[in-house]
Amino acid sequence: MKGTLAWEIRKLYENSRKNGGVKKEDYENLVSFFENYYGGKTRDRETLEVLDISMMDLLRDESEFMFNVLQGVKSYPNDKCKLSKRLEVFLAHLKIKYGFNYSDNIFENFKVNDKNQRILLMLKYLHSGEKSRSDIAEDFGISERTVAEDLSILQNGFTFLGTEMNIRGLERGTNKYKSIIHPIFLAANSAEIYALTVGLKLLSKGTVFEESLGRISNVIYEQLSENSKRMIDQHEDEIVTFDNGSLKFIDSSRLVQMIETPFAYFLKDPVECIITYREEGRQVKYIGTLKLARASKGNIYNKVILENNEETIILDMENILSIRRVDEDIYFEDR
């Protein structure tokens, strides 16, 4: 019948098969999916023939429609990656025709056909908040046994592009996992590589971001091909140098204990800290939270604002001798 879900799938196939967009196999797979898996395991298929329902009626509640699609993908026993790509094409068709709104990365966790890729996505997923094994299994559409194997790899240490990463075990008093690592992959050309290495070093020099951006530049440099390293080495001098250190990931809790002035750590969140500051030839201490001050002359970010209940002070980074958490004895006790 015209206007039904089945009709829309058929029209997508007929309109795009001429240019090779949607093949007969794709059409049949979509029909089978909506017929057998839409709504997941809980759907009553005897009372709901979804293919015969008007598309307009299905999209009256877009969130319910999308929920049922996702439940179907999670319960789908075959290649979720292929299915997700087919569904993306169909949803794009609905977006154009009906103005259907959905998140472009809604199927991200399902479009995985490589274990390493899934583990990287799992790191990103766990960075969004604490998750149980059943949460992970459901949102990735995999068994809890597979989840346990992936978590074991992440806990023991996982290496990707030379960088070693791992997650902590279960949070105390909970049955959930989380990650402080957010993996980022960049497909960069030579000009962008130059900007991300030499450029970051030069632009951050003398600013509160010098240490953090310098480490990022070092990590990028270590992952480059020998040809790209030779290109960068042409510009290496007393102003710009690259450390040949380990690419092992260092979490911010450890890093803040290793560095005297970890500006980026205290600027990213309002964490109460103690600052040792050089003022008129003597050392004084300030307690409060930090914010980034406006750029100085030459657009250099070399000042921070310290705030507490009594005062707001602008501090020069060159006179800041150390920054420490007020609660560091308790906060770092079990870390």
C-alpha atoms as a PDB file:
ATOM      1  CA  MET A   1       0.000   0.000   0.000  1.00  0.00           C
ATOM      2  CA  LYS A   2       1.254   3.474  -0.862  1.00  0.00           C
ATOM      3  CA  GLY A   3       2.875   5.372   2.002  1.00  0.00           C
ATOM      4  CA  THR A   4       3.533   2.366   4.217  1.00  0.00           C
ATOM      5  CA  LEU A   5       6.944   1.387   5.586  1.00  0.00           C
ATOM      6  CA  ALA A   6       7.154  -1.471   3.056  1.00  0.00           C
ATOM      7  CA  TRP A   7       6.303   0.933   0.230  1.00  0.00           C
ATOM      8  CA  GLU A   8       9.010   3.414   1.294  1.00  0.00           C
ATOM      9  CA  ILE A   9      11.643   0.688   1.362  1.00  0.00           C
ATOM     10  CA  ARG A  10      10.515  -0.464  -2.070  1.00  0.00           C
ATOM     11  CA  LYS A  11      10.614   3.104  -3.471  1.00  0.00           C
ATOM     12  CA  LEU A  12      14.118   3.617  -2.105  1.00  0.00           C
ATOM     13  CA  TYR A  13      15.238   0.456  -3.873  1.00  0.00           C
ATOM     14  CA  GLU A  14      13.545   1.347  -7.176  1.00  0.00           C
ATOM     15  CA  ASN A  15      14.810   4.944  -7.205  1.00  0.00           C
ATOM     16  CA  SER A  16      18.426   4.112  -6.406  1.00  0.00           C
ATOM     17  CA  ARG A  17      19.064   0.772  -8.116  1.00  0.00           C
ATOM     18  CA  LYS A  18      19.679   2.557 -11.409  1.00  0.00           C
ATOM     19  CA  ASN A  19      22.836   4.165 -10.033  1.00  0.00           C
ATOM     20  CA  GLY A  20      23.804   1.140  -7.969  1.00  0.00           C
ATOM     21  CA  GLY A  21      22.899   2.764  -4.634  1.00  0.00           C
ATOM     22  CA  VAL A  22      20.606   0.127  -3.104  1.00  0.00           C
ATOM     23  CA  LYS A  23      20.912  -3.432  -4.323  1.00  0.00           C
ATOM     24  CA  LYS A  24      18.254  -6.127  -4.190  1.00  0.00           C
ATOM     25  CA  GLU A  25      20.117  -7.775  -1.303  1.00  0.00           C
ATOM     26  CA  ASP A  26      19.940  -4.490   0.647  1.00  0.00           C
ATOM     27  CA  TYR A  27      16.206  -4.195  -0.036  1.00  0.00           C
ATOM     28  CA  GLU A  28      15.495  -7.747   1.096  1.00  0.00           C
ATOM     29  CA  ASN A  29      17.634  -7.307   4.211  1.00  0.00           C
ATOM     30  CA  LEU A  30      15.751  -4.160   5.254  1.00  0.00           C
ATOM     31  CA  VAL A  31      12.376  -5.810   4.720  1.00  0.00           C
ATOM     32  CA  SER A  32      13.483  -8.843   6.743  1.00  0.00           C
ATOM     33  CA  PHE A  33      14.825  -6.630   9.518  1.00  0.00           C
ATOM     34  CA  PHE A  34      11.615  -4.660   9.994  1.00  0.00           C
ATOM     35  CA  GLU A  35       9.535  -7.795   9.664  1.00  0.00           C
ATOM     36  CA  ASN A  36      11.488  -9.862  12.201  1.00  0.00           C
ATOM     37  CA  TYR A  37      13.554  -7.605  14.462  1.00  0.00           C
ATOM     38  CA  TYR A  38      11.986  -4.120  14.658  1.00  0.00           C
ATOM     39  CA  GLY A  39      11.285  -3.469  18.345  1.00  0.00           C
ATOM     40  CA  GLY A  40      13.707  -6.147  19.497  1.00  0.00           C
ATOM     41  CA  LYS A  41      12.868  -9.280  21.417  1.00  0.00           C
ATOM     42  CA  THR A  42       9.903  -7.782  23.274  1.00  0.00           C
ATOM     43  CA  ARG A  43       7.789  -6.879  20.250  1.00  0.00           C
ATOM     44  CA  ASP A  44       4.535  -8.766  19.730  1.00  0.00           C
ATOM     45  CA  ARG A  45       4.820  -9.684  16.057  1.00  0.00           C
ATOM     46  CA  GLU A  46       1.418 -11.305  15.925  1.00  0.00           C
ATOM     47  CA  THR A  47      -0.344  -7.982  16.637  1.00  0.00           C
ATOM     48  CA  LEU A  48       2.068  -5.583  14.939  1.00  0.00           C
ATOM     49  CA  GLU A  49       2.723  -5.861  11.223  1.00  0.00           C
ATOM     50  CA  VAL A  50       4.999  -2.836  11.083  1.00  0.00           C
ATOM     51  CA  LEU A  51       5.616  -3.033   7.328  1.00  0.00           C
ATOM     52  CA  ASP A  52       1.925  -2.313   6.716  1.00  0.00           C
ATOM     53  CA  ILE A  53       1.823   0.794   8.913  1.00  0.00           C
ATOM     54  CA  SER A  54       1.808   4.248   7.335  1.00  0.00           C
ATOM     55  CA  MET A  55       5.208   5.941   7.484  1.00  0.00           C
ATOM     56  CA  MET A  56       3.497   9.124   8.646  1.00  0.00           C
ATOM     57  CA  ASP A  57       1.971   7.226  11.581  1.00  0.00           C
ATOM     58  CA  LEU A  58       5.295   5.615  12.501  1.00  0.00           C
ATOM     59  CA  LEU A  59       7.044   8.981  12.519  1.00  0.00           C
ATOM     60  CA  ARG A  60       4.436  10.725  14.672  1.00  0.00           C
ATOM     61  CA  ASP A  61       6.660   9.706  17.562  1.00  0.00           C
ATOM     62  CA  GLU A  62      10.172   9.825  16.100  1.00  0.00           C
ATOM     63  CA  SER A  63      11.878   8.812  19.345  1.00  0.00           C
ATOM     64  CA  GLU A  64       9.718   5.677  19.657  1.00  0.00           C
ATOM     65  CA  PHE A  65      10.413   4.725  16.044  1.00  0.00           C
ATOM     66  CA  MET A  66      14.154   5.182  16.553  1.00  0.00           C
ATOM     67  CA  PHE A  67      14.026   3.261  19.832  1.00  0.00           C
ATOM     68  CA  ASN A  68      12.394   0.292  18.108  1.00  0.00           C
ATOM     69  CA  VAL A  69      14.956   0.422  15.293  1.00  0.00           C
ATOM     70  CA  LEU A  70      17.822   0.364  17.790  1.00  0.00           C
ATOM     71  CA  GLN A  71      16.247  -2.454  19.793  1.00  0.00           C
ATOM     72  CA  GLY A  72      16.014  -4.392  16.555  1.00  0.00           C
ATOM     73  CA  VAL A  73      19.674  -3.811  15.710  1.00  0.00           C
ATOM     74  CA  LYS A  74      20.717  -4.936  19.192  1.00  0.00           C
ATOM     75  CA  SER A  75      18.778  -8.196  18.812  1.00  0.00           C
ATOM     76  CA  TYR A  76      19.886  -8.776  15.209  1.00  0.00           C
ATOM     77  CA  PRO A  77      22.031 -11.972  15.180  1.00  0.00           C
ATOM     78  CA  ASN A  78      23.923 -11.401  11.930  1.00  0.00           C
ATOM     79  CA  ASP A  79      26.249  -8.688  10.565  1.00  0.00           C
ATOM     80  CA  LYS A  80      25.257  -5.544  12.482  1.00  0.00           C
ATOM     81  CA  CYS A  81      27.791  -3.464  10.555  1.00  0.00           C
ATOM     82  CA  LYS A  82      26.150  -4.120   7.167  1.00  0.00           C
ATOM     83  CA  LEU A  83      22.676  -3.723   8.623  1.00  0.00           C
ATOM     84  CA  SER A  84      23.597  -0.365  10.187  1.00  0.00           C
ATOM     85  CA  LYS A  85      24.897   0.977   6.881  1.00  0.00           C
ATOM     86  CA  ARG A  86      21.686  -0.098   5.130  1.00  0.00           C
ATOM     87  CA  LEU A  87      19.570   1.523   7.811  1.00  0.00           C
ATOM     88  CA  GLU A  88      21.582   4.747   7.503  1.00  0.00           C
ATOM     89  CA  VAL A  89      20.678   4.935   3.812  1.00  0.00           C
ATOM     90  CA  PHE A  90      17.008   4.348   4.578  1.00  0.00           C
ATOM     91  CA  LEU A  91      16.910   6.894   7.409  1.00  0.00           C
ATOM     92  CA  ALA A  92      18.601   9.469   5.176  1.00  0.00           C
ATOM     93  CA  HIS A  93      15.774   8.854   2.681  1.00  0.00           C
ATOM     94  CA  LEU A  94      13.206   9.444   5.435  1.00  0.00           C
ATOM     95  CA  LYS A  95      15.020  12.595   6.517  1.00  0.00           C
ATOM     96  CA  ILE A  96      14.765  14.066   3.019  1.00  0.00           C
ATOM     97  CA  LYS A  97      11.159  13.050   2.447  1.00  0.00           C
ATOM     98  CA  TYR A  98       9.628  13.476   5.902  1.00  0.00           C
ATOM     99  CA  GLY A  99      12.096  15.700   7.742  1.00  0.00           C
ATOM    100  CA  PHE A 100      12.870  12.820  10.103  1.00  0.00           C
ATOM    101  CA  ASN A 101      15.477  13.882  12.683  1.00  0.00           C
ATOM    102  CA  TYR A 102      18.041  11.497  14.135  1.00  0.00           C
ATOM    103  CA  SER A 103      21.643  11.566  15.321  1.00  0.00           C
ATOM    104  CA  ASP A 104      24.146  10.962  12.526  1.00  0.00           C
ATOM    105  CA  ASN A 105      26.266   8.693  14.748  1.00  0.00           C
ATOM    106  CA  ILE A 106      23.341   6.688  16.138  1.00  0.00           C
ATOM    107  CA  PHE A 107      24.755   3.413  14.765  1.00  0.00           C
ATOM    108  CA  GLU A 108      28.406   4.129  15.596  1.00  0.00           C
ATOM    109  CA  ASN A 109      28.832   1.275  18.083  1.00  0.00           C
ATOM    110  CA  PHE A 110      27.283  -1.252  15.679  1.00  0.00           C
ATOM    111  CA  LYS A 111      29.330  -0.354  12.588  1.00  0.00           C
ATOM    112  CA  VAL A 112      32.290  -2.335  13.838  1.00  0.00           C
ATOM    113  CA  ASN A 113      33.756  -5.360  12.088  1.00  0.00           C
ATOM    114  CA  ASP A 114      37.189  -5.199  13.676  1.00  0.00           C
ATOM    115  CA  LYS A 115      38.055  -6.017  17.306  1.00  0.00           C
ATOM    116  CA  ASN A 116      40.564  -3.166  17.650  1.00  0.00           C
ATOM    117  CA  GLN A 117      38.003  -0.697  16.339  1.00  0.00           C
ATOM    118  CA  ARG A 118      35.417  -1.956  18.828  1.00  0.00           C
ATOM    119  CA  ILE A 119      37.867  -1.609  21.721  1.00  0.00           C
ATOM    120  CA  LEU A 120      38.652   1.986  20.743  1.00  0.00           C
ATOM    121  CA  LEU A 121      34.931   2.767  20.539  1.00  0.00           C
ATOM    122  CA  MET A 122      34.502   1.100  23.937  1.00  0.00           C
ATOM    123  CA  LEU A 123      37.118   3.437  25.413  1.00  0.00           C
ATOM    124  CA  LYS A 124      35.199   6.418  24.048  1.00  0.00           C
ATOM    125  CA  TYR A 125      31.901   4.942  25.283  1.00  0.00           C
ATOM    126  CA  LEU A 126      33.246   4.355  28.824  1.00  0.00           C
ATOM    127  CA  HIS A 127      34.594   7.907  28.864  1.00  0.00           C
ATOM    128  CA  SER A 128      30.976   9.156  28.798  1.00  0.00           C
ATOM    129  CA  GLY A 129      30.244   7.634  32.223  1.00  0.00           C
ATOM    130  CA  GLU A 130      30.184   4.475  34.311  1.00  0.00           C
ATOM    131  CA  LYS A 131      28.751   1.416  32.546  1.00  0.00           C
ATOM    132  CA  SER A 132      28.017  -2.141  33.624  1.00  0.00           C
ATOM    133  CA  ARG A 133      28.835  -5.196  31.512  1.00  0.00           C
ATOM    134  CA  SER A 134      25.179  -5.541  30.585  1.00  0.00           C
ATOM    135  CA  ASP A 135      25.090  -1.855  29.529  1.00  0.00           C
ATOM    136  CA  ILE A 136      28.072  -2.401  27.238  1.00  0.00           C
ATOM    137  CA  ALA A 137      26.683  -5.640  25.810  1.00  0.00           C
ATOM    138  CA  GLU A 138      23.347  -4.017  24.983  1.00  0.00           C
ATOM    139  CA  ASP A 139      24.732  -0.816  23.466  1.00  0.00           C
ATOM    140  CA  PHE A 140      27.281  -2.661  21.317  1.00  0.00           C
ATOM    141  CA  GLY A 141      24.995  -5.547  20.461  1.00  0.00           C
ATOM    142  CA  ILE A 142      27.492  -8.177  21.643  1.00  0.00           C
ATOM    143  CA  SER A 143      27.440 -10.954  24.246  1.00  0.00           C
ATOM    144  CA  GLU A 144      28.582 -10.380  27.836  1.00  0.00           C
ATOM    145  CA  ARG A 145      31.277 -12.979  27.219  1.00  0.00           C
ATOM    146  CA  THR A 146      32.701 -10.826  24.409  1.00  0.00           C
ATOM    147  CA  VAL A 147      32.409  -7.771  26.673  1.00  0.00           C
ATOM    148  CA  ALA A 148      34.400  -9.585  29.378  1.00  0.00           C
ATOM    149  CA  GLU A 149      37.145 -10.443  26.867  1.00  0.00           C
ATOM    150  CA  ASP A 150      37.344  -6.834  25.624  1.00  0.00           C
ATOM    151  CA  LEU A 151      37.408  -5.416  29.160  1.00  0.00           C
ATOM    152  CA  SER A 152      40.188  -7.834  30.093  1.00  0.00           C
ATOM    153  CA  ILE A 153      42.262  -6.524  27.163  1.00  0.00           C
ATOM    154  CA  LEU A 154      41.601  -2.922  28.212  1.00  0.00           C
ATOM    155  CA  GLN A 155      42.518  -3.598  31.832  1.00  0.00           C
ATOM    156  CA  ASN A 156      45.730  -5.414  30.959  1.00  0.00           C
ATOM    157  CA  GLY A 157      46.819  -2.727  28.481  1.00  0.00           C
ATOM    158  CA  PHE A 158      45.931  -2.118  24.844  1.00  0.00           C
ATOM    159  CA  THR A 159      48.362  -0.671  22.297  1.00  0.00           C
ATOM    160  CA  PHE A 160      47.192   1.260  19.241  1.00  0.00           C
ATOM    161  CA  LEU A 161      49.503   3.215  16.907  1.00  0.00           C
ATOM    162  CA  GLY A 162      52.277   2.823  19.459  1.00  0.00           C
ATOM    163  CA  THR A 163      50.308   4.292  22.374  1.00  0.00           C
ATOM    164  CA  GLU A 164      49.624   2.030  25.348  1.00  0.00           C
ATOM    165  CA  MET A 165      46.267   2.535  27.070  1.00  0.00           C
ATOM    166  CA  ASN A 166      44.303   0.797  29.794  1.00  0.00           C
ATOM    167  CA  ILE A 167      41.300   1.305  32.055  1.00  0.00           C
ATOM    168  CA  ARG A 168      40.870   0.822  35.754  1.00  0.00           C
ATOM    169  CA  GLY A 169      38.961  -2.137  37.120  1.00  0.00           C
ATOM    170  CA  LEU A 170      35.596  -1.987  38.810  1.00  0.00           C
ATOM    171  CA  GLU A 171      34.894   1.185  40.740  1.00  0.00           C
ATOM    172  CA  ARG A 172      34.851   0.537  44.466  1.00  0.00           C
ATOM    173  CA  GLY A 173      31.343  -0.262  45.709  1.00  0.00           C
ATOM    174  CA  THR A 174      29.954  -0.554  42.179  1.00  0.00           C
ATOM    175  CA  ASN A 175      29.764  -3.099  39.407  1.00  0.00           C
ATOM    176  CA  LYS A 176      30.641  -0.594  36.704  1.00  0.00           C
ATOM    177  CA  TYR A 177      33.562   0.403  34.511  1.00  0.00           C
ATOM    178  CA  LYS A 178      34.729   3.768  33.214  1.00  0.00           C
ATOM    179  CA  SER A 179      37.583   5.180  31.173  1.00  0.00           C
ATOM    180  CA  ILE A 180      39.502   8.428  31.567  1.00  0.00           C
ATOM    181  CA  ILE A 181      40.852   7.960  28.036  1.00  0.00           C
ATOM    182  CA  HIS A 182      39.148   9.479  25.002  1.00  0.00           C
ATOM    183  CA  PRO A 183      40.876   8.099  21.867  1.00  0.00           C
ATOM    184  CA  ILE A 184      41.154  10.499  18.945  1.00  0.00           C
ATOM    185  CA  PHE A 185      42.288   9.506  15.458  1.00  0.00           C
ATOM    186  CA  LEU A 186      43.412  12.099  12.918  1.00  0.00           C
ATOM    187  CA  ALA A 187      43.911  11.451   9.228  1.00  0.00           C
ATOM    188  CA  ALA A 188      46.254  14.383   8.557  1.00  0.00           C
ATOM    189  CA  ASN A 189      48.062  15.664   5.473  1.00  0.00           C
ATOM    190  CA  SER A 190      51.654  16.924   5.617  1.00  0.00           C
ATOM    191  CA  ALA A 191      50.640  20.560   6.184  1.00  0.00           C
ATOM    192  CA  GLU A 192      48.409  19.540   9.103  1.00  0.00           C
ATOM    193  CA  ILE A 193      51.195  17.356  10.525  1.00  0.00           C
ATOM    194  CA  TYR A 194      53.500  20.373  10.456  1.00  0.00           C
ATOM    195  CA  ALA A 195      50.847  22.481  12.239  1.00  0.00           C
ATOM    196  CA  LEU A 196      50.222  19.779  14.855  1.00  0.00           C
ATOM    197  CA  THR A 197      53.917  19.403  15.695  1.00  0.00           C
ATOM    198  CA  VAL A 198      55.971  22.524  14.990  1.00  0.00           C
ATOM    199  CA  GLY A 199      52.918  24.795  15.046  1.00  0.00           C
ATOM    200  CA  LEU A 200      51.624  23.616  18.429  1.00  0.00           C
ATOM    201  CA  LYS A 201      55.080  23.939  19.971  1.00  0.00           C
ATOM    202  CA  LEU A 202      55.561  27.499  18.711  1.00  0.00           C
ATOM    203  CA  LEU A 203      52.039  28.794  19.410  1.00  0.00           C
ATOM    204  CA  SER A 204      51.905  27.379  22.948  1.00  0.00           C
ATOM    205  CA  LYS A 205      55.393  28.547  23.997  1.00  0.00           C
ATOM    206  CA  GLY A 206      55.206  30.813  27.030  1.00  0.00           C
ATOM    207  CA  THR A 207      51.519  30.072  27.627  1.00  0.00           C
ATOM    208  CA  VAL A 208      49.628  28.048  30.226  1.00  0.00           C
ATOM    209  CA  PHE A 209      49.135  25.379  27.529  1.00  0.00           C
ATOM    210  CA  GLU A 210      52.822  24.871  26.748  1.00  0.00           C
ATOM    211  CA  GLU A 211      53.229  21.665  28.758  1.00  0.00           C
ATOM    212  CA  SER A 212      49.989  19.990  27.608  1.00  0.00           C
ATOM    213  CA  LEU A 213      50.279  20.917  23.928  1.00  0.00           C
ATOM    214  CA  GLY A 214      53.971  20.089  23.982  1.00  0.00           C
ATOM    215  CA  ARG A 215      53.177  16.543  25.123  1.00  0.00           C
ATOM    216  CA  ILE A 216      50.521  16.224  22.412  1.00  0.00           C
ATOM    217  CA  SER A 217      53.089  17.336  19.807  1.00  0.00           C
ATOM    218  CA  ASN A 218      55.577  14.773  21.096  1.00  0.00           C
ATOM    219  CA  VAL A 219      53.003  11.973  20.883  1.00  0.00           C
ATOM    220  CA  ILE A 220      52.031  12.953  17.328  1.00  0.00           C
ATOM    221  CA  TYR A 221      55.697  13.126  16.317  1.00  0.00           C
ATOM    222  CA  GLU A 222      56.414   9.637  17.682  1.00  0.00           C
ATOM    223  CA  GLN A 223      53.577   8.170  15.574  1.00  0.00           C
ATOM    224  CA  LEU A 224      54.764   9.700  12.298  1.00  0.00           C
ATOM    225  CA  SER A 225      56.325   7.817   9.416  1.00  0.00           C
ATOM    226  CA  GLU A 226      60.085   8.222   8.958  1.00  0.00           C
ATOM    227  CA  ASN A 227      59.434  10.425   5.936  1.00  0.00           C
ATOM    228  CA  SER A 228      57.215  12.788   7.948  1.00  0.00           C
ATOM    229  CA  LYS A 229      59.727  12.836  10.800  1.00  0.00           C
ATOM    230  CA  ARG A 230      62.439  13.921   8.375  1.00  0.00           C
ATOM    231  CA  MET A 231      60.186  16.749   7.193  1.00  0.00           C
ATOM    232  CA  ILE A 232      59.631  17.916  10.769  1.00  0.00           C
ATOM    233  CA  ASP A 233      63.295  17.478  11.720  1.00  0.00           C
ATOM    234  CA  GLN A 234      64.219  20.133   9.178  1.00  0.00           C
ATOM    235  CA  HIS A 235      62.511  22.660  11.453  1.00  0.00           C
ATOM    236  CA  GLU A 236      63.821  21.305  14.741  1.00  0.00           C
ATOM    237  CA  ASP A 237      66.139  23.763  16.513  1.00  0.00           C
ATOM    238  CA  GLU A 238      66.748  25.248  19.961  1.00  0.00           C
ATOM    239  CA  ILE A 239      63.188  26.670  19.923  1.00  0.00           C
ATOM    240  CA  VAL A 240      61.344  23.530  18.790  1.00  0.00           C
ATOM    241  CA  THR A 241      62.453  20.077  19.969  1.00  0.00           C
ATOM    242  CA  PHE A 242      60.674  16.745  20.345  1.00  0.00           C
ATOM    243  CA  ASP A 243      61.144  14.285  23.190  1.00  0.00           C
ATOM    244  CA  ASN A 244      61.656  10.652  22.227  1.00  0.00           C
ATOM    245  CA  GLY A 245      59.782   9.301  25.201  1.00  0.00           C
ATOM    246  CA  SER A 246      57.307   6.522  25.851  1.00  0.00           C
ATOM    247  CA  LEU A 247      53.855   6.741  24.278  1.00  0.00           C
ATOM    248  CA  LYS A 248      52.250   5.153  27.338  1.00  0.00           C
ATOM    249  CA  PHE A 249      49.082   7.039  28.252  1.00  0.00           C
ATOM    250  CA  ILE A 250      49.370   9.050  31.466  1.00  0.00           C
ATOM    251  CA  ASP A 251      46.079   9.853  33.160  1.00  0.00           C
ATOM    252  CA  SER A 252      45.516  13.340  34.525  1.00  0.00           C
ATOM    253  CA  SER A 253      45.540  12.154  38.154  1.00  0.00           C
ATOM    254  CA  ARG A 254      49.086  10.851  37.780  1.00  0.00           C
ATOM    255  CA  LEU A 255      50.194  13.758  35.626  1.00  0.00           C
ATOM    256  CA  VAL A 256      49.102  16.370  38.158  1.00  0.00           C
ATOM    257  CA  GLN A 257      51.387  14.724  40.707  1.00  0.00           C
ATOM    258  CA  MET A 258      54.347  14.629  38.290  1.00  0.00           C
ATOM    259  CA  ILE A 259      54.299  18.289  37.193  1.00  0.00           C
ATOM    260  CA  GLU A 260      54.700  21.364  39.401  1.00  0.00           C
ATOM    261  CA  THR A 261      52.356  23.603  37.393  1.00  0.00           C
ATOM    262  CA  PRO A 262      49.749  21.486  35.553  1.00  0.00           C
ATOM    263  CA  PHE A 263      47.721  24.465  34.339  1.00  0.00           C
ATOM    264  CA  ALA A 264      45.415  22.599  31.940  1.00  0.00           C
ATOM    265  CA  TYR A 265      44.321  20.165  34.693  1.00  0.00           C
ATOM    266  CA  PHE A 266      43.108  22.989  36.943  1.00  0.00           C
ATOM    267  CA  LEU A 267      41.672  25.103  34.132  1.00  0.00           C
ATOM    268  CA  LYS A 268      39.442  22.376  32.678  1.00  0.00           C
ATOM    269  CA  ASP A 269      37.355  22.036  35.875  1.00  0.00           C
ATOM    270  CA  PRO A 270      36.853  24.302  38.920  1.00  0.00           C
ATOM    271  CA  VAL A 271      38.997  22.231  41.291  1.00  0.00           C
ATOM    272  CA  GLU A 272      40.007  24.019  44.493  1.00  0.00           C
ATOM    273  CA  CYS A 273      43.782  24.300  44.591  1.00  0.00           C
ATOM    274  CA  ILE A 274      46.690  25.761  46.549  1.00  0.00           C
ATOM    275  CA  ILE A 275      49.042  27.965  44.550  1.00  0.00           C
ATOM    276  CA  THR A 276      52.563  28.808  45.662  1.00  0.00           C
ATOM    277  CA  TYR A 277      53.307  32.194  44.141  1.00  0.00           C
ATOM    278  CA  ARG A 278      56.411  34.380  43.969  1.00  0.00           C
ATOM    279  CA  GLU A 279      55.485  37.927  44.922  1.00  0.00           C
ATOM    280  CA  GLU A 280      57.978  40.757  45.582  1.00  0.00           C
ATOM    281  CA  GLY A 281      60.795  38.339  46.370  1.00  0.00           C
ATOM    282  CA  ARG A 282      58.839  36.136  48.757  1.00  0.00           C
ATOM    283  CA  GLN A 283      56.606  33.090  48.456  1.00  0.00           C
ATOM    284  CA  VAL A 284      52.893  33.389  49.255  1.00  0.00           C
ATOM    285  CA  LYS A 285      50.061  30.877  49.033  1.00  0.00           C
ATOM    286  CA  TYR A 286      46.628  31.386  47.491  1.00  0.00           C
ATOM    287  CA  ILE A 287      43.630  29.047  47.685  1.00  0.00           C
ATOM    288  CA  GLY A 288      40.828  29.044  45.127  1.00  0.00           C
ATOM    289  CA  THR A 289      39.836  27.873  41.654  1.00  0.00           C
ATOM    290  CA  LEU A 290      41.477  28.854  38.367  1.00  0.00           C
ATOM    291  CA  LYS A 291      40.098  30.370  35.185  1.00  0.00           C
ATOM    292  CA  LEU A 292      41.860  31.421  32.018  1.00  0.00           C
ATOM    293  CA  ALA A 293      42.564  35.160  31.898  1.00  0.00           C
ATOM    294  CA  ARG A 294      42.273  37.251  28.754  1.00  0.00           C
ATOM    295  CA  ALA A 295      45.234  37.096  26.407  1.00  0.00           C
ATOM    296  CA  SER A 296      48.129  39.457  27.052  1.00  0.00           C
ATOM    297  CA  LYS A 297      49.703  41.686  24.434  1.00  0.00           C
ATOM    298  CA  GLY A 298      50.644  39.581  21.415  1.00  0.00           C
ATOM    299  CA  ASN A 299      47.665  37.244  22.068  1.00  0.00           C
ATOM    300  CA  ILE A 300      49.658  35.209  24.604  1.00  0.00           C
ATOM    301  CA  TYR A 301      47.738  33.288  27.269  1.00  0.00           C
ATOM    302  CA  ASN A 302      50.205  33.594  30.135  1.00  0.00           C
ATOM    303  CA  LYS A 303      47.923  34.663  32.991  1.00  0.00           C
ATOM    304  CA  VAL A 304      45.274  32.919  35.068  1.00  0.00           C
ATOM    305  CA  ILE A 305      42.491  34.174  37.329  1.00  0.00           C
ATOM    306  CA  LEU A 306      42.270  32.801  40.871  1.00  0.00           C
ATOM    307  CA  GLU A 307      38.847  33.096  42.521  1.00  0.00           C
ATOM    308  CA  ASN A 308      37.635  32.401  46.038  1.00  0.00           C
ATOM    309  CA  ASN A 309      34.902  33.765  48.308  1.00  0.00           C
ATOM    310  CA  GLU A 310      36.987  36.786  49.283  1.00  0.00           C
ATOM    311  CA  GLU A 311      38.865  37.912  46.203  1.00  0.00           C
ATOM    312  CA  THR A 312      39.655  37.569  42.512  1.00  0.00           C
ATOM    313  CA  ILE A 313      43.327  37.836  41.546  1.00  0.00           C
ATOM    314  CA  ILE A 314      45.128  37.785  38.208  1.00  0.00           C
ATOM    315  CA  LEU A 315      48.374  35.781  38.422  1.00  0.00           C
ATOM    316  CA  ASP A 316      51.317  35.654  36.003  1.00  0.00           C
ATOM    317  CA  MET A 317      52.219  32.068  35.124  1.00  0.00           C
ATOM    318  CA  GLU A 318      55.965  32.791  35.323  1.00  0.00           C
ATOM    319  CA  ASN A 319      55.577  33.554  39.039  1.00  0.00           C
ATOM    320  CA  ILE A 320      53.506  30.450  39.829  1.00  0.00           C
ATOM    321  CA  LEU A 321      55.869  27.946  41.447  1.00  0.00           C
ATOM    322  CA  SER A 322      53.438  25.101  42.077  1.00  0.00           C
ATOM    323  CA  ILE A 323      49.739  24.168  41.925  1.00  0.00           C
ATOM    324  CA  ARG A 324      48.279  21.420  44.096  1.00  0.00           C
ATOM    325  CA  ARG A 325      44.807  20.141  44.899  1.00  0.00           C
ATOM    326  CA  VAL A 326      43.571  21.213  48.336  1.00  0.00           C
ATOM    327  CA  ASP A 327      42.332  17.648  48.926  1.00  0.00           C
ATOM    328  CA  GLU A 328      45.269  15.831  47.283  1.00  0.00           C
ATOM    329  CA  ASP A 329      46.017  13.593  50.303  1.00  0.00           C
ATOM    330  CA  ILE A 330      42.494  12.166  50.195  1.00  0.00           C
ATOM    331  CA  TYR A 331      41.890  12.408  46.430  1.00  0.00           C
ATOM    332  CA  PHE A 332      45.042  10.528  45.384  1.00  0.00           C
ATOM    333  CA  GLU A 333      44.972   7.995  48.211  1.00  0.00           C
ATOM    334  CA  ASP A 334      43.453   5.187  46.151  1.00  0.00           C
ATOM    335  CA  ARG A 335      44.584   6.284  42.690  1.00  0.00           C
END
